[in-house]
Every structure is written in structure tokens, then in C-alpha cells.
Amino acid sequence: MQVVQYFKDFLREEDGVTAIEYGLIAALIAVVIIGSLQLVGTNLDAVFNFIAGELGGALAP
């Protein structure tokens, strides 16, 4: 009988569910940040390469 009560209490417990929800939200935010940084990083790399090419051409004798 004690085991049945333990499982009933376990199913009613909501602390673990809240922790899982926060974990999923944090993971989603991390995925969005990583994706946006990769996109910005690619564009920023292209800008720096363009500037380096222009400076290289301007400094050439």
C-alpha cells in the first residue's frame, strides 16, 4: 500500500515538470542565439574580407 501511495505522490509532484520546462526554454534560447551568431558571423566575415581587400588595393604601390 505504501508503494501505491508513493507513486500517486510522484505523479502529483510538479517541481520536476517546472524544471524540465525551464530547461527546454533555456535550450531553445541557446539554439536561437547560436543560429543568430552563426548568421551574423558569416556576414561579418564577408564585411571584414571586403574591407581588407579594399585596404590592400589602396595600399598597393
N, C-alpha and C. Protein backbone atom coordinates (compact mmCIF):
# COMPACT_ATOMS: atom_id res chain seq x y z
N MET A 1 0.82 -1.20 0.00
CA MET A 1 0.00 0.00 0.00
C MET A 1 0.87 1.26 0.00
N GLN A 2 1.99 1.19 0.66
CA GLN A 2 2.89 2.33 0.74
C GLN A 2 3.47 2.64 -0.64
N VAL A 3 3.71 1.62 -1.46
CA VAL A 3 4.26 1.81 -2.80
C VAL A 3 3.25 2.53 -3.68
N VAL A 4 1.98 2.17 -3.55
CA VAL A 4 0.93 2.82 -4.34
C VAL A 4 0.84 4.30 -3.97
N GLN A 5 0.91 4.60 -2.71
CA GLN A 5 0.87 5.99 -2.27
C GLN A 5 2.09 6.76 -2.78
N TYR A 6 3.25 6.11 -2.79
CA TYR A 6 4.46 6.75 -3.30
C TYR A 6 4.28 7.13 -4.77
N PHE A 7 3.76 6.24 -5.58
CA PHE A 7 3.56 6.53 -6.99
C PHE A 7 2.50 7.61 -7.21
N LYS A 8 1.47 7.63 -6.41
CA LYS A 8 0.46 8.69 -6.51
C LYS A 8 1.10 10.05 -6.19
N ASP A 9 1.90 10.10 -5.13
CA ASP A 9 2.58 11.34 -4.77
C ASP A 9 3.56 11.77 -5.87
N PHE A 10 4.24 10.78 -6.45
CA PHE A 10 5.20 11.07 -7.51
C PHE A 10 4.52 11.68 -8.73
N LEU A 11 3.36 11.16 -9.09
CA LEU A 11 2.64 11.67 -10.25
C LEU A 11 2.05 13.06 -10.00
N ARG A 12 1.76 13.40 -8.77
CA ARG A 12 1.22 14.72 -8.44
C ARG A 12 2.31 15.78 -8.32
N GLU A 13 3.54 15.35 -8.14
CA GLU A 13 4.65 16.29 -7.96
C GLU A 13 4.86 17.10 -9.24
N GLU A 14 4.95 18.42 -9.09
CA GLU A 14 5.09 19.29 -10.25
C GLU A 14 6.43 20.02 -10.30
N ASP A 15 7.27 19.87 -9.30
CA ASP A 15 8.57 20.56 -9.29
C ASP A 15 9.44 20.09 -10.44
N GLY A 16 9.46 18.81 -10.71
CA GLY A 16 10.26 18.28 -11.81
C GLY A 16 9.78 18.76 -13.16
N VAL A 17 8.47 18.88 -13.32
CA VAL A 17 7.90 19.37 -14.58
C VAL A 17 8.33 20.81 -14.82
N THR A 18 8.32 21.62 -13.80
CA THR A 18 8.73 23.02 -13.94
C THR A 18 10.20 23.11 -14.33
N ALA A 19 11.04 22.29 -13.72
CA ALA A 19 12.47 22.29 -14.04
C ALA A 19 12.68 21.87 -15.49
N ILE A 20 11.94 20.89 -15.95
CA ILE A 20 12.06 20.44 -17.34
C ILE A 20 11.62 21.56 -18.28
N GLU A 21 10.55 22.26 -17.95
CA GLU A 21 10.09 23.37 -18.80
C GLU A 21 11.15 24.46 -18.89
N TYR A 22 11.75 24.82 -17.76
CA TYR A 22 12.80 25.83 -17.78
C TYR A 22 14.00 25.34 -18.59
N GLY A 23 14.32 24.08 -18.48
CA GLY A 23 15.42 23.51 -19.26
C GLY A 23 15.15 23.57 -20.75
N LEU A 24 13.93 23.27 -21.15
CA LEU A 24 13.56 23.34 -22.57
C LEU A 24 13.60 24.78 -23.09
N ILE A 25 13.13 25.71 -22.28
CA ILE A 25 13.18 27.12 -22.68
C ILE A 25 14.62 27.58 -22.83
N ALA A 26 15.49 27.20 -21.89
CA ALA A 26 16.90 27.58 -21.97
C ALA A 26 17.56 26.97 -23.20
N ALA A 27 17.22 25.73 -23.53
CA ALA A 27 17.78 25.08 -24.71
C ALA A 27 17.31 25.78 -25.99
N LEU A 28 16.05 26.16 -26.04
CA LEU A 28 15.53 26.87 -27.21
C LEU A 28 16.22 28.22 -27.38
N ILE A 29 16.40 28.94 -26.29
CA ILE A 29 17.10 30.23 -26.35
C ILE A 29 18.53 30.03 -26.84
N ALA A 30 19.20 28.98 -26.35
CA ALA A 30 20.58 28.71 -26.77
C ALA A 30 20.64 28.41 -28.26
N VAL A 31 19.68 27.65 -28.78
CA VAL A 31 19.66 27.33 -30.21
C VAL A 31 19.47 28.60 -31.04
N VAL A 32 18.59 29.48 -30.60
CA VAL A 32 18.36 30.75 -31.32
C VAL A 32 19.61 31.61 -31.29
N ILE A 33 20.28 31.70 -30.16
CA ILE A 33 21.49 32.50 -30.05
C ILE A 33 22.59 31.94 -30.94
N ILE A 34 22.78 30.64 -30.92
CA ILE A 34 23.82 30.02 -31.75
C ILE A 34 23.53 30.25 -33.22
N GLY A 35 22.29 30.08 -33.63
CA GLY A 35 21.93 30.30 -35.03
C GLY A 35 22.13 31.73 -35.46
N SER A 36 21.75 32.67 -34.62
CA SER A 36 21.91 34.08 -34.99
C SER A 36 23.38 34.48 -35.02
N LEU A 37 24.18 33.96 -34.11
CA LEU A 37 25.61 34.27 -34.11
C LEU A 37 26.31 33.70 -35.34
N GLN A 38 25.90 32.53 -35.77
CA GLN A 38 26.49 31.97 -36.98
C GLN A 38 26.13 32.81 -38.19
N LEU A 39 24.90 33.27 -38.28
CA LEU A 39 24.47 34.10 -39.40
C LEU A 39 25.21 35.44 -39.39
N VAL A 40 25.26 36.09 -38.24
CA VAL A 40 25.95 37.37 -38.13
C VAL A 40 27.44 37.18 -38.36
N GLY A 41 28.00 36.10 -37.86
CA GLY A 41 29.42 35.83 -38.04
C GLY A 41 29.79 35.67 -39.50
N THR A 42 28.96 35.00 -40.27
CA THR A 42 29.21 34.83 -41.70
C THR A 42 29.16 36.17 -42.41
N ASN A 43 28.17 36.97 -42.12
CA ASN A 43 28.07 38.29 -42.74
C ASN A 43 29.21 39.20 -42.31
N LEU A 44 29.57 39.14 -41.05
CA LEU A 44 30.65 39.98 -40.54
C LEU A 44 31.98 39.57 -41.18
N ASP A 45 32.18 38.30 -41.38
CA ASP A 45 33.39 37.82 -42.05
C ASP A 45 33.46 38.37 -43.47
N ALA A 46 32.36 38.40 -44.17
CA ALA A 46 32.33 38.94 -45.53
C ALA A 46 32.66 40.43 -45.52
N VAL A 47 32.17 41.18 -44.55
CA VAL A 47 32.44 42.61 -44.45
C VAL A 47 33.93 42.84 -44.20
N PHE A 48 34.52 42.10 -43.28
CA PHE A 48 35.94 42.27 -43.00
C PHE A 48 36.80 41.88 -44.19
N ASN A 49 36.41 40.83 -44.91
CA ASN A 49 37.17 40.45 -46.11
C ASN A 49 37.08 41.55 -47.17
N PHE A 50 35.94 42.16 -47.32
CA PHE A 50 35.79 43.26 -48.28
C PHE A 50 36.67 44.44 -47.88
N ILE A 51 36.65 44.79 -46.60
CA ILE A 51 37.46 45.92 -46.13
C ILE A 51 38.95 45.60 -46.31
N ALA A 52 39.35 44.38 -46.00
CA ALA A 52 40.75 44.01 -46.15
C ALA A 52 41.15 44.08 -47.62
N GLY A 53 40.29 43.67 -48.53
CA GLY A 53 40.59 43.76 -49.96
C GLY A 53 40.72 45.19 -50.43
N GLU A 54 39.83 46.05 -49.95
CA GLU A 54 39.89 47.46 -50.34
C GLU A 54 41.14 48.14 -49.78
N LEU A 55 41.48 47.83 -48.55
CA LEU A 55 42.69 48.41 -47.95
C LEU A 55 43.94 47.88 -48.65
N GLY A 56 43.94 46.63 -48.98
CA GLY A 56 45.06 46.03 -49.69
C GLY A 56 45.26 46.69 -51.05
N GLY A 57 44.18 46.97 -51.74
CA GLY A 57 44.27 47.65 -53.04
C GLY A 57 44.69 49.09 -52.89
N ALA A 58 44.29 49.75 -51.84
CA ALA A 58 44.64 51.16 -51.63
C ALA A 58 46.10 51.31 -51.21
N LEU A 59 46.63 50.32 -50.52
CA LEU A 59 48.00 50.42 -50.03
C LEU A 59 49.02 49.91 -51.06
N ALA A 60 48.56 49.25 -52.10
CA ALA A 60 49.48 48.72 -53.11
C ALA A 60 50.08 49.88 -53.92
N PRO A 61 51.41 49.82 -54.18
CA PRO A 61 52.03 50.92 -54.93
C PRO A 61 51.63 50.95 -56.39
